[in-house]
């Protein structure tokens, strides 16, 4: 499939798309999230058990697409505080793993490039800055910009994506979402975007869904599409 002539705007996810977050960053975040949830779900004196935390995370992920949304809705958690606490990784630079040559790829890839991540702004800037690729993005859209009617609506929210397209003056049919998460890609596909599934950092990616445009192991393969 030749998608270059129709795709002047590339929307890039960050974690497990442009870098290997599963190596060290995600495990560290999970540890912090578990500690945070233990306090929130506990009775004020005794922290919640690991079993309760796991069950709650699974429930909210299935119902809302993100654990954070369930914590905000049912436990009054402040989203900004949660994100700040769970993404505060003092040793983050030593935890980042990524392919060399990404900057060269982004420079050669035709069209605009926009970062579109559910991560908070400070975290995204640190990661992109360490990778030395920030200058290649004309915009960096983080979770702080993903609200609809004052409600947090990160990917894969179709309403958020639709409003984002209008706000940024983007035609979905001129956009390509490059992602590791199929749910996010499915929402983009429903809005008319083209979709690229990056599987390099996934443990068991599975087969390419029929609706998906392209499946690649690495973002460095985009130049060959």
N, C-alpha and C. Protein backbone atom coordinates (compact mmCIF):
# COMPACT_ATOMS: atom_id res chain seq x y z
N UNK A 1 0.84 -1.20 0.00
CA UNK A 1 0.00 0.00 0.00
C UNK A 1 0.87 1.24 0.00
N UNK A 2 0.65 2.13 -0.94
CA UNK A 2 1.41 3.38 -1.01
C UNK A 2 0.60 4.49 -0.37
N UNK A 3 0.96 4.89 0.86
CA UNK A 3 0.16 5.87 1.58
C UNK A 3 0.82 7.24 1.60
N UNK A 4 2.02 7.36 1.08
CA UNK A 4 2.74 8.64 1.18
C UNK A 4 2.02 9.81 0.53
N UNK A 5 1.50 9.68 -0.72
CA UNK A 5 0.91 10.85 -1.36
C UNK A 5 -0.33 11.37 -0.63
N UNK A 6 -1.01 10.53 0.15
CA UNK A 6 -2.25 10.93 0.81
C UNK A 6 -2.05 11.24 2.28
N UNK A 7 -0.82 11.31 2.76
CA UNK A 7 -0.63 11.38 4.21
C UNK A 7 0.36 12.45 4.63
N UNK A 8 -0.02 13.71 4.58
CA UNK A 8 0.91 14.76 4.97
C UNK A 8 1.05 14.93 6.48
N UNK A 9 0.18 14.31 7.28
CA UNK A 9 0.24 14.49 8.73
C UNK A 9 0.37 13.13 9.41
N UNK A 10 1.47 12.96 10.14
CA UNK A 10 1.72 11.72 10.89
C UNK A 10 1.50 12.00 12.37
N UNK A 11 0.67 11.20 13.03
CA UNK A 11 0.42 11.31 14.46
C UNK A 11 1.13 10.15 15.15
N UNK A 12 2.14 10.46 15.93
CA UNK A 12 2.96 9.43 16.57
C UNK A 12 2.62 9.28 18.05
N UNK A 13 2.32 8.05 18.44
CA UNK A 13 2.28 7.71 19.86
C UNK A 13 3.71 7.72 20.38
N UNK A 14 3.88 7.70 21.70
CA UNK A 14 5.22 7.75 22.29
C UNK A 14 5.66 6.41 22.88
N UNK A 15 5.04 6.01 23.99
CA UNK A 15 5.48 4.81 24.72
C UNK A 15 5.22 3.54 23.92
N UNK A 16 6.24 2.73 23.79
CA UNK A 16 6.21 1.45 23.06
C UNK A 16 5.92 1.64 21.57
N UNK A 17 6.08 2.87 21.10
CA UNK A 17 6.03 3.14 19.67
C UNK A 17 7.35 3.74 19.23
N UNK A 18 7.72 4.86 19.84
CA UNK A 18 9.01 5.49 19.54
C UNK A 18 10.13 5.01 20.45
N UNK A 19 9.78 4.43 21.58
CA UNK A 19 10.81 3.89 22.49
C UNK A 19 10.24 2.70 23.24
N UNK A 20 11.11 1.92 23.84
CA UNK A 20 10.72 0.69 24.54
C UNK A 20 10.39 0.99 26.00
N UNK A 21 9.13 1.34 26.25
CA UNK A 21 8.71 1.65 27.61
C UNK A 21 8.57 0.39 28.47
N UNK A 22 8.39 -0.76 27.84
CA UNK A 22 8.22 -2.00 28.59
C UNK A 22 9.51 -2.46 29.27
N UNK A 23 10.65 -1.98 28.79
CA UNK A 23 11.93 -2.41 29.34
C UNK A 23 12.07 -2.05 30.81
N UNK A 24 11.87 -0.80 31.18
CA UNK A 24 12.06 -0.37 32.56
C UNK A 24 11.04 0.67 33.02
N UNK A 25 10.58 1.51 32.10
CA UNK A 25 9.69 2.60 32.48
C UNK A 25 8.33 2.09 32.94
N UNK A 26 7.70 1.24 32.17
CA UNK A 26 6.38 0.74 32.55
C UNK A 26 6.42 -0.04 33.87
N UNK A 27 7.40 -0.93 34.08
CA UNK A 27 7.46 -1.61 35.37
C UNK A 27 7.58 -0.64 36.55
N UNK A 28 8.36 0.41 36.38
CA UNK A 28 8.50 1.41 37.45
C UNK A 28 7.19 2.15 37.67
N UNK A 29 6.49 2.45 36.59
CA UNK A 29 5.20 3.14 36.70
C UNK A 29 4.16 2.26 37.37
N UNK A 30 4.14 0.98 37.02
CA UNK A 30 3.19 0.05 37.63
C UNK A 30 3.39 -0.01 39.13
N UNK A 31 4.64 -0.02 39.55
CA UNK A 31 4.96 -0.02 40.98
C UNK A 31 4.39 1.22 41.67
N UNK A 32 4.57 2.36 41.02
CA UNK A 32 4.06 3.61 41.59
C UNK A 32 2.53 3.65 41.57
N UNK A 33 1.94 3.14 40.49
CA UNK A 33 0.48 3.10 40.40
C UNK A 33 -0.12 2.19 41.47
N UNK A 34 0.52 1.04 41.71
CA UNK A 34 0.05 0.12 42.73
C UNK A 34 0.08 0.77 44.11
N UNK A 35 1.16 1.48 44.41
CA UNK A 35 1.27 2.17 45.70
C UNK A 35 0.20 3.25 45.82
N UNK A 36 -0.04 3.96 44.74
CA UNK A 36 -1.04 5.03 44.74
C UNK A 36 -2.44 4.43 44.95
N UNK A 37 -2.74 3.37 44.21
CA UNK A 37 -4.05 2.73 44.32
C UNK A 37 -4.25 2.08 45.68
N UNK A 38 -3.18 1.57 46.26
CA UNK A 38 -3.28 0.97 47.59
C UNK A 38 -3.76 2.00 48.60
N UNK A 39 -3.29 3.23 48.46
CA UNK A 39 -3.72 4.31 49.36
C UNK A 39 -5.17 4.71 49.07
N UNK A 40 -5.49 4.84 47.80
CA UNK A 40 -6.83 5.30 47.41
C UNK A 40 -7.90 4.27 47.77
N UNK A 41 -7.62 3.00 47.53
CA UNK A 41 -8.61 1.95 47.76
C UNK A 41 -8.62 1.46 49.20
N UNK A 42 -7.61 1.82 49.97
CA UNK A 42 -7.54 1.40 51.36
C UNK A 42 -8.54 2.13 52.24
N UNK A 43 -8.57 1.76 53.51
CA UNK A 43 -9.55 2.35 54.44
C UNK A 43 -8.98 3.51 55.25
N UNK A 44 -7.82 4.00 54.85
CA UNK A 44 -7.21 5.10 55.58
C UNK A 44 -6.13 4.64 56.53
N UNK A 45 -6.22 3.40 56.96
CA UNK A 45 -5.21 2.83 57.85
C UNK A 45 -4.50 1.65 57.19
N UNK A 46 -5.29 0.80 56.56
CA UNK A 46 -4.74 -0.39 55.91
C UNK A 46 -4.81 -0.23 54.39
N UNK A 47 -3.68 -0.37 53.71
CA UNK A 47 -3.68 -0.26 52.23
C UNK A 47 -4.49 -1.40 51.62
N UNK A 48 -4.99 -1.18 50.45
CA UNK A 48 -5.71 -2.22 49.72
C UNK A 48 -4.76 -3.35 49.35
N UNK A 49 -5.30 -4.54 49.22
CA UNK A 49 -4.49 -5.71 48.88
C UNK A 49 -4.11 -5.70 47.40
N UNK A 50 -3.10 -6.48 47.08
CA UNK A 50 -2.67 -6.59 45.68
C UNK A 50 -3.79 -7.15 44.82
N UNK A 51 -4.59 -8.07 45.38
CA UNK A 51 -5.70 -8.66 44.63
C UNK A 51 -6.76 -7.61 44.31
N UNK A 52 -7.07 -6.76 45.29
CA UNK A 52 -8.08 -5.71 45.06
C UNK A 52 -7.59 -4.70 44.03
N UNK A 53 -6.32 -4.36 44.12
CA UNK A 53 -5.74 -3.41 43.16
C UNK A 53 -5.81 -3.98 41.75
N UNK A 54 -5.42 -5.24 41.60
CA UNK A 54 -5.42 -5.88 40.29
C UNK A 54 -6.83 -5.97 39.71
N UNK A 55 -7.79 -6.34 40.55
CA UNK A 55 -9.17 -6.47 40.08
C UNK A 55 -9.75 -5.11 39.69
N UNK A 56 -9.43 -4.09 40.47
CA UNK A 56 -9.93 -2.75 40.18
C UNK A 56 -9.33 -2.21 38.90
N UNK A 57 -8.04 -2.43 38.72
CA UNK A 57 -7.39 -1.97 37.49
C UNK A 57 -8.02 -2.65 36.27
N UNK A 58 -8.22 -3.95 36.36
CA UNK A 58 -8.80 -4.69 35.23
C UNK A 58 -10.22 -4.20 34.93
N UNK A 59 -10.99 -3.95 35.98
CA UNK A 59 -12.37 -3.49 35.81
C UNK A 59 -12.42 -2.14 35.13
N UNK A 60 -11.61 -1.20 35.61
CA UNK A 60 -11.63 0.16 35.05
C UNK A 60 -11.05 0.19 33.64
N UNK A 61 -10.06 -0.65 33.40
CA UNK A 61 -9.48 -0.70 32.06
C UNK A 61 -10.52 -1.21 31.06
N UNK A 62 -11.26 -2.23 31.47
CA UNK A 62 -12.28 -2.80 30.58
C UNK A 62 -13.43 -1.82 30.38
N UNK A 63 -13.83 -1.13 31.43
CA UNK A 63 -15.00 -0.25 31.36
C UNK A 63 -14.70 1.09 30.71
N UNK A 64 -13.53 1.66 31.03
CA UNK A 64 -13.23 3.03 30.59
C UNK A 64 -12.05 3.14 29.63
N UNK A 65 -11.30 2.07 29.47
CA UNK A 65 -10.14 2.13 28.59
C UNK A 65 -8.90 2.65 29.27
N UNK A 66 -9.01 3.03 30.55
CA UNK A 66 -7.86 3.53 31.32
C UNK A 66 -8.19 3.45 32.80
N UNK A 67 -7.26 2.96 33.59
CA UNK A 67 -7.46 2.86 35.04
C UNK A 67 -7.72 4.23 35.64
N UNK A 68 -6.99 5.23 35.16
CA UNK A 68 -7.11 6.58 35.71
C UNK A 68 -8.54 7.10 35.64
N UNK A 69 -9.24 6.84 34.54
CA UNK A 69 -10.61 7.36 34.39
C UNK A 69 -11.53 6.79 35.46
N UNK A 70 -11.35 5.52 35.80
CA UNK A 70 -12.15 4.91 36.86
C UNK A 70 -11.83 5.50 38.22
N UNK A 71 -10.55 5.77 38.47
CA UNK A 71 -10.15 6.36 39.74
C UNK A 71 -10.70 7.77 39.89
N UNK A 72 -10.72 8.51 38.80
CA UNK A 72 -11.27 9.87 38.82
C UNK A 72 -12.78 9.82 39.07
N UNK A 73 -13.46 8.95 38.35
CA UNK A 73 -14.92 8.90 38.42
C UNK A 73 -15.44 8.34 39.73
N UNK A 74 -14.80 7.31 40.25
CA UNK A 74 -15.35 6.61 41.41
C UNK A 74 -14.66 6.91 42.74
N UNK A 75 -13.48 7.51 42.68
CA UNK A 75 -12.73 7.73 43.92
C UNK A 75 -12.28 9.17 44.09
N UNK A 76 -12.70 10.04 43.19
CA UNK A 76 -12.37 11.45 43.33
C UNK A 76 -10.90 11.78 43.18
N UNK A 77 -10.16 10.92 42.50
CA UNK A 77 -8.72 11.15 42.32
C UNK A 77 -8.51 12.34 41.38
N UNK A 78 -7.57 13.19 41.73
CA UNK A 78 -7.19 14.30 40.86
C UNK A 78 -6.24 13.76 39.79
N UNK A 79 -6.65 13.87 38.54
CA UNK A 79 -5.88 13.28 37.45
C UNK A 79 -4.47 13.83 37.37
N UNK A 80 -4.33 15.14 37.53
CA UNK A 80 -3.00 15.76 37.44
C UNK A 80 -2.08 15.23 38.54
N UNK A 81 -2.63 15.06 39.73
CA UNK A 81 -1.82 14.55 40.85
C UNK A 81 -1.40 13.11 40.60
N UNK A 82 -2.34 12.29 40.11
CA UNK A 82 -2.04 10.90 39.81
C UNK A 82 -0.93 10.80 38.77
N UNK A 83 -1.06 11.56 37.70
CA UNK A 83 -0.07 11.52 36.63
C UNK A 83 1.29 12.00 37.10
N UNK A 84 1.28 13.04 37.92
CA UNK A 84 2.55 13.58 38.43
C UNK A 84 3.24 12.55 39.33
N UNK A 85 2.46 11.89 40.19
CA UNK A 85 3.03 10.92 41.12
C UNK A 85 3.55 9.67 40.40
N UNK A 86 2.80 9.19 39.44
CA UNK A 86 3.15 7.92 38.80
C UNK A 86 4.18 8.06 37.68
N UNK A 87 4.36 9.26 37.19
CA UNK A 87 5.35 9.49 36.11
C UNK A 87 6.61 10.19 36.60
N UNK A 88 6.72 10.35 37.90
CA UNK A 88 7.91 10.98 38.47
C UNK A 88 9.01 9.93 38.61
N UNK A 89 9.88 9.88 37.62
CA UNK A 89 10.94 8.88 37.57
C UNK A 89 12.29 9.59 37.50
N UNK A 90 12.93 9.81 38.64
CA UNK A 90 14.20 10.56 38.67
C UNK A 90 15.29 9.97 37.77
N UNK A 91 15.27 8.66 37.59
CA UNK A 91 16.30 8.01 36.78
C UNK A 91 15.83 7.71 35.37
N UNK A 92 14.87 8.48 34.89
CA UNK A 92 14.22 8.14 33.62
C UNK A 92 15.19 8.07 32.44
N UNK A 93 16.18 8.94 32.40
CA UNK A 93 17.09 8.94 31.25
C UNK A 93 17.83 7.62 31.10
N UNK A 94 18.15 6.99 32.23
CA UNK A 94 18.86 5.71 32.17
C UNK A 94 17.91 4.55 31.83
N UNK A 95 16.60 4.82 31.85
CA UNK A 95 15.61 3.77 31.60
C UNK A 95 15.14 3.74 30.15
N UNK A 96 15.44 4.79 29.40
CA UNK A 96 14.93 4.91 28.03
C UNK A 96 15.74 4.05 27.07
N UNK A 97 15.04 3.24 26.29
CA UNK A 97 15.66 2.42 25.25
C UNK A 97 14.97 2.73 23.93
N UNK A 98 15.73 3.06 22.90
CA UNK A 98 15.14 3.37 21.61
C UNK A 98 16.12 3.07 20.49
N UNK A 99 15.60 2.95 19.29
CA UNK A 99 16.43 2.68 18.12
C UNK A 99 17.19 3.93 17.69
N UNK A 100 18.42 3.76 17.33
CA UNK A 100 19.19 4.87 16.78
C UNK A 100 18.69 5.17 15.37
N UNK A 101 18.79 6.40 14.97
CA UNK A 101 18.38 6.78 13.63
C UNK A 101 16.95 7.27 13.51
N UNK A 102 16.24 7.41 14.65
CA UNK A 102 14.86 7.87 14.59
C UNK A 102 14.77 9.31 14.09
N UNK A 103 15.72 10.14 14.51
CA UNK A 103 15.73 11.52 14.05
C UNK A 103 15.87 11.60 12.54
N UNK A 104 16.76 10.78 12.01
CA UNK A 104 16.96 10.75 10.56
C UNK A 104 15.70 10.29 9.84
N UNK A 105 15.03 9.28 10.42
CA UNK A 105 13.78 8.80 9.83
C UNK A 105 12.74 9.91 9.79
N UNK A 106 12.55 10.59 10.93
CA UNK A 106 11.53 11.64 11.00
C UNK A 106 11.84 12.77 10.04
N UNK A 107 13.10 13.05 9.86
CA UNK A 107 13.50 14.11 8.93
C UNK A 107 13.18 13.72 7.48
N UNK A 108 13.38 12.46 7.15
CA UNK A 108 13.16 11.99 5.77
C UNK A 108 11.69 11.74 5.47
N UNK A 109 10.91 11.46 6.49
CA UNK A 109 9.50 11.13 6.29
C UNK A 109 8.74 12.37 5.81
N UNK A 110 8.05 12.31 4.68
CA UNK A 110 7.37 13.49 4.14
C UNK A 110 6.15 13.87 4.98
N UNK A 111 5.91 15.17 5.10
CA UNK A 111 4.73 15.65 5.81
C UNK A 111 5.01 16.07 7.24
N UNK A 112 3.98 16.62 7.87
CA UNK A 112 4.07 17.05 9.27
C UNK A 112 4.09 15.85 10.20
N UNK A 113 4.74 16.05 11.35
CA UNK A 113 4.74 15.02 12.38
C UNK A 113 4.25 15.65 13.69
N UNK A 114 3.30 14.99 14.33
CA UNK A 114 2.73 15.46 15.59
C UNK A 114 2.82 14.33 16.60
N UNK A 115 3.26 14.65 17.81
CA UNK A 115 3.27 13.66 18.89
C UNK A 115 1.89 13.65 19.53
N UNK A 116 1.30 12.48 19.70
CA UNK A 116 -0.03 12.33 20.29
C UNK A 116 0.02 11.22 21.32
N UNK A 117 0.16 11.60 22.58
CA UNK A 117 0.39 10.62 23.64
C UNK A 117 -0.52 10.84 24.84
N UNK A 118 -0.93 9.74 25.47
CA UNK A 118 -1.70 9.81 26.71
C UNK A 118 -0.83 10.12 27.92
N UNK A 119 0.44 10.27 27.71
CA UNK A 119 1.37 10.59 28.80
C UNK A 119 1.27 12.08 29.15
N UNK A 120 1.66 12.45 30.37
CA UNK A 120 1.66 13.87 30.75
C UNK A 120 2.79 14.64 30.06
N UNK A 121 2.62 15.95 30.00
CA UNK A 121 3.52 16.83 29.24
C UNK A 121 4.97 16.73 29.71
N UNK A 122 5.21 16.85 31.00
CA UNK A 122 6.59 16.86 31.50
C UNK A 122 7.32 15.56 31.17
N UNK A 123 6.61 14.45 31.34
CA UNK A 123 7.20 13.14 31.03
C UNK A 123 7.54 13.05 29.54
N UNK A 124 6.58 13.43 28.69
CA UNK A 124 6.80 13.34 27.24
C UNK A 124 7.98 14.20 26.81
N UNK A 125 8.08 15.39 27.36
CA UNK A 125 9.19 16.28 27.00
C UNK A 125 10.53 15.70 27.41
N UNK A 126 10.57 15.06 28.58
CA UNK A 126 11.82 14.46 29.04
C UNK A 126 12.25 13.33 28.11
N UNK A 127 11.30 12.47 27.77
CA UNK A 127 11.62 11.32 26.92
C UNK A 127 12.04 11.77 25.52
N UNK A 128 11.22 12.62 24.91
CA UNK A 128 11.52 13.11 23.57
C UNK A 128 12.83 13.90 23.55
N UNK A 129 13.04 14.68 24.62
CA UNK A 129 14.28 15.46 24.71
C UNK A 129 15.51 14.58 24.79
N UNK A 130 15.42 13.52 25.61
CA UNK A 130 16.55 12.60 25.74
C UNK A 130 16.83 11.89 24.43
N UNK A 131 15.78 11.61 23.67
CA UNK A 131 15.94 10.92 22.39
C UNK A 131 16.42 11.87 21.29
N UNK A 132 16.33 13.16 21.55
CA UNK A 132 16.82 14.14 20.58
C UNK A 132 15.96 14.28 19.34
N UNK A 133 14.64 14.05 19.49
CA UNK A 133 13.76 14.09 18.31
C UNK A 133 12.69 15.17 18.41
N UNK A 134 12.71 15.96 19.46
CA UNK A 134 11.65 16.95 19.68
C UNK A 134 11.48 17.93 18.53
N UNK A 135 12.58 18.33 17.91
CA UNK A 135 12.50 19.35 16.85
C UNK A 135 11.76 18.87 15.60
N UNK A 136 11.56 17.57 15.49
CA UNK A 136 10.89 17.04 14.30
C UNK A 136 9.37 17.09 14.40
N UNK A 137 8.85 17.40 15.59
CA UNK A 137 7.40 17.46 15.78
C UNK A 137 6.92 18.90 15.76
N UNK A 138 5.93 19.18 14.91
CA UNK A 138 5.37 20.53 14.85
C UNK A 138 4.46 20.81 16.04
N UNK A 139 4.01 19.75 16.72
CA UNK A 139 3.16 19.89 17.89
C UNK A 139 3.33 18.65 18.76
N UNK A 140 3.18 18.84 20.07
CA UNK A 140 3.23 17.72 21.01
C UNK A 140 1.96 17.76 21.84
N UNK A 141 1.04 16.84 21.55
CA UNK A 141 -0.26 16.81 22.21
C UNK A 141 -0.23 15.73 23.28
N UNK A 142 -0.41 16.15 24.53
CA UNK A 142 -0.33 15.24 25.67
C UNK A 142 -1.69 15.16 26.37
N UNK A 143 -1.76 14.37 27.42
CA UNK A 143 -3.05 14.09 28.06
C UNK A 143 -3.70 15.34 28.64
N UNK A 144 -2.91 16.36 28.94
CA UNK A 144 -3.49 17.60 29.47
C UNK A 144 -4.43 18.27 28.47
N UNK A 145 -4.27 17.95 27.19
CA UNK A 145 -5.10 18.55 26.13
C UNK A 145 -6.27 17.66 25.73
N UNK A 146 -6.47 16.56 26.46
CA UNK A 146 -7.49 15.58 26.06
C UNK A 146 -8.71 15.64 26.97
N UNK A 147 -9.40 16.77 26.95
CA UNK A 147 -10.62 16.94 27.73
C UNK A 147 -11.79 17.24 26.81
N UNK A 148 -12.95 16.70 27.16
CA UNK A 148 -14.20 17.00 26.45
C UNK A 148 -15.23 17.36 27.51
N UNK A 149 -15.78 18.57 27.42
CA UNK A 149 -16.71 19.07 28.43
C UNK A 149 -16.12 18.94 29.83
N UNK A 150 -14.85 19.29 29.94
CA UNK A 150 -14.12 19.29 31.21
C UNK A 150 -13.92 17.89 31.79
N UNK A 151 -14.20 16.88 31.00
CA UNK A 151 -13.97 15.49 31.41
C UNK A 151 -12.75 14.96 30.67
N UNK A 152 -11.88 14.27 31.40
CA UNK A 152 -10.69 13.70 30.77
C UNK A 152 -11.10 12.60 29.80
N UNK A 153 -10.63 12.71 28.56
CA UNK A 153 -10.96 11.72 27.53
C UNK A 153 -9.72 11.41 26.70
N UNK A 154 -8.82 10.60 27.23
CA UNK A 154 -7.61 10.24 26.46
C UNK A 154 -7.94 9.25 25.35
N UNK A 155 -6.93 8.93 24.53
CA UNK A 155 -7.12 7.85 23.56
C UNK A 155 -7.57 6.60 24.31
N UNK A 156 -8.51 5.84 23.81
CA UNK A 156 -9.02 5.82 22.43
C UNK A 156 -10.32 6.59 22.21
N UNK A 157 -10.62 7.61 22.99
CA UNK A 157 -11.88 8.34 22.85
C UNK A 157 -12.05 8.92 21.44
N UNK A 158 -13.09 8.50 20.78
CA UNK A 158 -13.36 9.02 19.43
C UNK A 158 -13.83 10.47 19.49
N UNK A 159 -14.58 10.80 20.52
CA UNK A 159 -15.05 12.18 20.67
C UNK A 159 -13.86 13.11 20.81
N UNK A 160 -12.90 12.72 21.64
CA UNK A 160 -11.71 13.54 21.83
C UNK A 160 -10.94 13.68 20.52
N UNK A 161 -10.75 12.58 19.82
CA UNK A 161 -10.00 12.62 18.56
C UNK A 161 -10.71 13.49 17.52
N UNK A 162 -12.02 13.39 17.46
CA UNK A 162 -12.78 14.20 16.51
C UNK A 162 -12.63 15.68 16.82
N UNK A 163 -12.74 16.03 18.09
CA UNK A 163 -12.59 17.43 18.49
C UNK A 163 -11.17 17.92 18.28
N UNK A 164 -10.23 17.04 18.52
CA UNK A 164 -8.83 17.40 18.31
C UNK A 164 -8.57 17.72 16.84
N UNK A 165 -9.14 16.92 15.96
CA UNK A 165 -8.99 17.16 14.53
C UNK A 165 -9.54 18.54 14.15
N UNK A 166 -10.71 18.86 14.69
CA UNK A 166 -11.32 20.17 14.39
C UNK A 166 -10.48 21.31 14.97
N UNK A 167 -10.04 21.13 16.21
CA UNK A 167 -9.29 22.19 16.88
C UNK A 167 -7.97 22.48 16.17
N UNK A 168 -7.33 21.45 15.67
CA UNK A 168 -6.04 21.61 15.00
C UNK A 168 -6.19 21.84 13.49
N UNK A 169 -7.43 21.84 13.00
CA UNK A 169 -7.66 22.05 11.58
C UNK A 169 -7.14 20.92 10.71
N UNK A 170 -7.26 19.69 11.21
CA UNK A 170 -6.76 18.52 10.50
C UNK A 170 -7.89 17.73 9.88
N UNK A 171 -7.68 17.28 8.66
CA UNK A 171 -8.62 16.38 8.00
C UNK A 171 -8.21 14.95 8.35
N UNK A 172 -9.07 14.19 9.04
CA UNK A 172 -8.69 12.83 9.42
C UNK A 172 -8.19 11.98 8.26
N UNK A 173 -8.70 12.23 7.07
CA UNK A 173 -8.30 11.42 5.91
C UNK A 173 -6.91 11.78 5.40
N UNK A 174 -6.34 12.83 5.94
CA UNK A 174 -4.96 13.18 5.59
C UNK A 174 -4.00 12.79 6.71
N UNK A 175 -4.52 12.09 7.71
CA UNK A 175 -3.70 11.73 8.89
C UNK A 175 -3.43 10.24 8.96
N UNK A 176 -2.28 9.90 9.54
CA UNK A 176 -1.91 8.51 9.82
C UNK A 176 -1.55 8.43 11.30
N UNK A 177 -2.21 7.54 12.02
CA UNK A 177 -1.86 7.31 13.42
C UNK A 177 -0.89 6.14 13.49
N UNK A 178 0.26 6.37 14.12
CA UNK A 178 1.29 5.35 14.29
C UNK A 178 1.30 4.98 15.76
N UNK A 179 0.94 3.75 16.08
CA UNK A 179 0.62 3.35 17.46
C UNK A 179 1.00 1.90 17.73
N UNK A 180 1.10 1.58 19.02
CA UNK A 180 1.26 0.18 19.43
C UNK A 180 -0.04 -0.40 19.97
N UNK A 181 -1.05 0.45 20.22
CA UNK A 181 -2.28 0.02 20.88
C UNK A 181 -3.43 -0.09 19.88
N UNK A 182 -3.95 -1.28 19.70
CA UNK A 182 -4.98 -1.51 18.70
C UNK A 182 -6.28 -0.74 18.98
N UNK A 183 -6.67 -0.61 20.23
CA UNK A 183 -7.89 0.14 20.54
C UNK A 183 -7.80 1.58 20.05
N UNK A 184 -6.63 2.19 20.22
CA UNK A 184 -6.43 3.56 19.76
C UNK A 184 -6.48 3.63 18.24
N UNK A 185 -5.87 2.65 17.60
CA UNK A 185 -5.87 2.59 16.14
C UNK A 185 -7.27 2.36 15.59
N UNK A 186 -8.04 1.56 16.29
CA UNK A 186 -9.42 1.28 15.85
C UNK A 186 -10.26 2.55 15.87
N UNK A 187 -10.10 3.36 16.90
CA UNK A 187 -10.83 4.62 16.97
C UNK A 187 -10.42 5.55 15.84
N UNK A 188 -9.13 5.61 15.57
CA UNK A 188 -8.64 6.46 14.48
C UNK A 188 -9.19 5.98 13.14
N UNK A 189 -9.21 4.69 12.95
CA UNK A 189 -9.75 4.11 11.71
C UNK A 189 -11.22 4.48 11.54
N UNK A 190 -11.98 4.45 12.62
CA UNK A 190 -13.41 4.78 12.56
C UNK A 190 -13.65 6.22 12.13
N UNK A 191 -12.68 7.09 12.40
CA UNK A 191 -12.80 8.50 12.03
C UNK A 191 -12.26 8.78 10.63
N UNK A 192 -11.73 7.76 9.98
CA UNK A 192 -11.24 7.94 8.62
C UNK A 192 -9.74 8.08 8.50
N UNK A 193 -9.02 7.99 9.62
CA UNK A 193 -7.56 8.06 9.56
C UNK A 193 -7.00 6.74 9.05
N UNK A 194 -5.82 6.80 8.49
CA UNK A 194 -5.09 5.58 8.19
C UNK A 194 -4.28 5.16 9.41
N UNK A 195 -3.95 3.89 9.47
CA UNK A 195 -3.42 3.33 10.71
C UNK A 195 -2.18 2.48 10.48
N UNK A 196 -1.19 2.68 11.35
CA UNK A 196 0.03 1.88 11.32
C UNK A 196 0.26 1.31 12.72
N UNK A 197 0.32 0.00 12.80
CA UNK A 197 0.51 -0.70 14.08
C UNK A 197 1.98 -1.07 14.23
N UNK A 198 2.62 -0.54 15.27
CA UNK A 198 4.03 -0.81 15.56
C UNK A 198 4.10 -1.88 16.64
N UNK A 199 4.77 -3.00 16.35
CA UNK A 199 4.71 -4.16 17.24
C UNK A 199 6.04 -4.52 17.91
N UNK A 200 7.08 -3.77 17.64
CA UNK A 200 8.42 -4.15 18.08
C UNK A 200 8.53 -4.39 19.59
N UNK A 201 7.83 -3.59 20.38
CA UNK A 201 7.98 -3.67 21.83
C UNK A 201 6.81 -4.39 22.51
N UNK A 202 6.00 -5.09 21.73
CA UNK A 202 4.88 -5.84 22.27
C UNK A 202 5.29 -7.30 22.44
N UNK A 203 4.86 -7.91 23.54
CA UNK A 203 5.24 -9.28 23.83
C UNK A 203 4.61 -10.26 22.85
N UNK A 204 3.29 -10.15 22.64
CA UNK A 204 2.58 -11.04 21.72
C UNK A 204 1.61 -10.20 20.88
N UNK A 205 2.09 -9.60 19.81
CA UNK A 205 1.24 -8.69 19.05
C UNK A 205 0.07 -9.34 18.32
N UNK A 206 0.21 -10.57 17.92
CA UNK A 206 -0.88 -11.23 17.21
C UNK A 206 -0.93 -10.84 15.74
N UNK A 207 -1.99 -11.30 15.08
CA UNK A 207 -2.13 -11.08 13.64
C UNK A 207 -2.67 -9.69 13.34
N UNK A 208 -2.45 -9.26 12.12
CA UNK A 208 -2.95 -7.96 11.66
C UNK A 208 -4.46 -8.03 11.48
N UNK A 209 -5.22 -7.15 12.15
CA UNK A 209 -6.67 -7.11 11.94
C UNK A 209 -7.01 -6.69 10.51
N UNK A 210 -8.15 -7.12 10.02
CA UNK A 210 -8.53 -6.83 8.64
C UNK A 210 -8.69 -5.34 8.38
N UNK A 211 -9.13 -4.57 9.38
CA UNK A 211 -9.38 -3.14 9.18
C UNK A 211 -8.10 -2.31 9.22
N UNK A 212 -7.03 -2.87 9.75
CA UNK A 212 -5.77 -2.13 9.91
C UNK A 212 -5.07 -1.95 8.56
N UNK A 213 -4.51 -0.76 8.34
CA UNK A 213 -3.83 -0.50 7.07
C UNK A 213 -2.47 -1.17 6.98
N UNK A 214 -1.62 -0.93 7.99
CA UNK A 214 -0.24 -1.43 7.93
C UNK A 214 0.20 -1.92 9.30
N UNK A 215 0.92 -3.03 9.30
CA UNK A 215 1.57 -3.54 10.51
C UNK A 215 3.07 -3.57 10.25
N UNK A 216 3.84 -2.90 11.12
CA UNK A 216 5.30 -2.89 10.98
C UNK A 216 5.93 -3.25 12.31
N UNK A 217 7.12 -3.80 12.25
CA UNK A 217 7.81 -4.11 13.48
C UNK A 217 8.40 -2.86 14.10
N UNK A 218 8.94 -1.98 13.27
CA UNK A 218 9.64 -0.79 13.75
C UNK A 218 9.17 0.45 13.00
N UNK A 219 9.18 1.61 13.68
CA UNK A 219 8.82 2.86 13.00
C UNK A 219 9.82 3.18 11.89
N UNK A 220 11.01 2.62 11.97
CA UNK A 220 12.00 2.86 10.93
C UNK A 220 11.58 2.25 9.59
N UNK A 221 10.57 1.38 9.62
CA UNK A 221 10.06 0.78 8.38
C UNK A 221 9.06 1.70 7.67
N UNK A 222 8.67 2.79 8.32
CA UNK A 222 7.68 3.68 7.71
C UNK A 222 8.15 4.24 6.38
N UNK A 223 9.42 4.48 6.27
CA UNK A 223 9.97 5.07 5.05
C UNK A 223 9.82 4.13 3.86
N UNK A 224 9.59 2.84 4.15
CA UNK A 224 9.46 1.84 3.08
C UNK A 224 8.02 1.62 2.64
N UNK A 225 7.08 2.20 3.37
CA UNK A 225 5.66 1.97 3.05
C UNK A 225 5.28 2.66 1.75
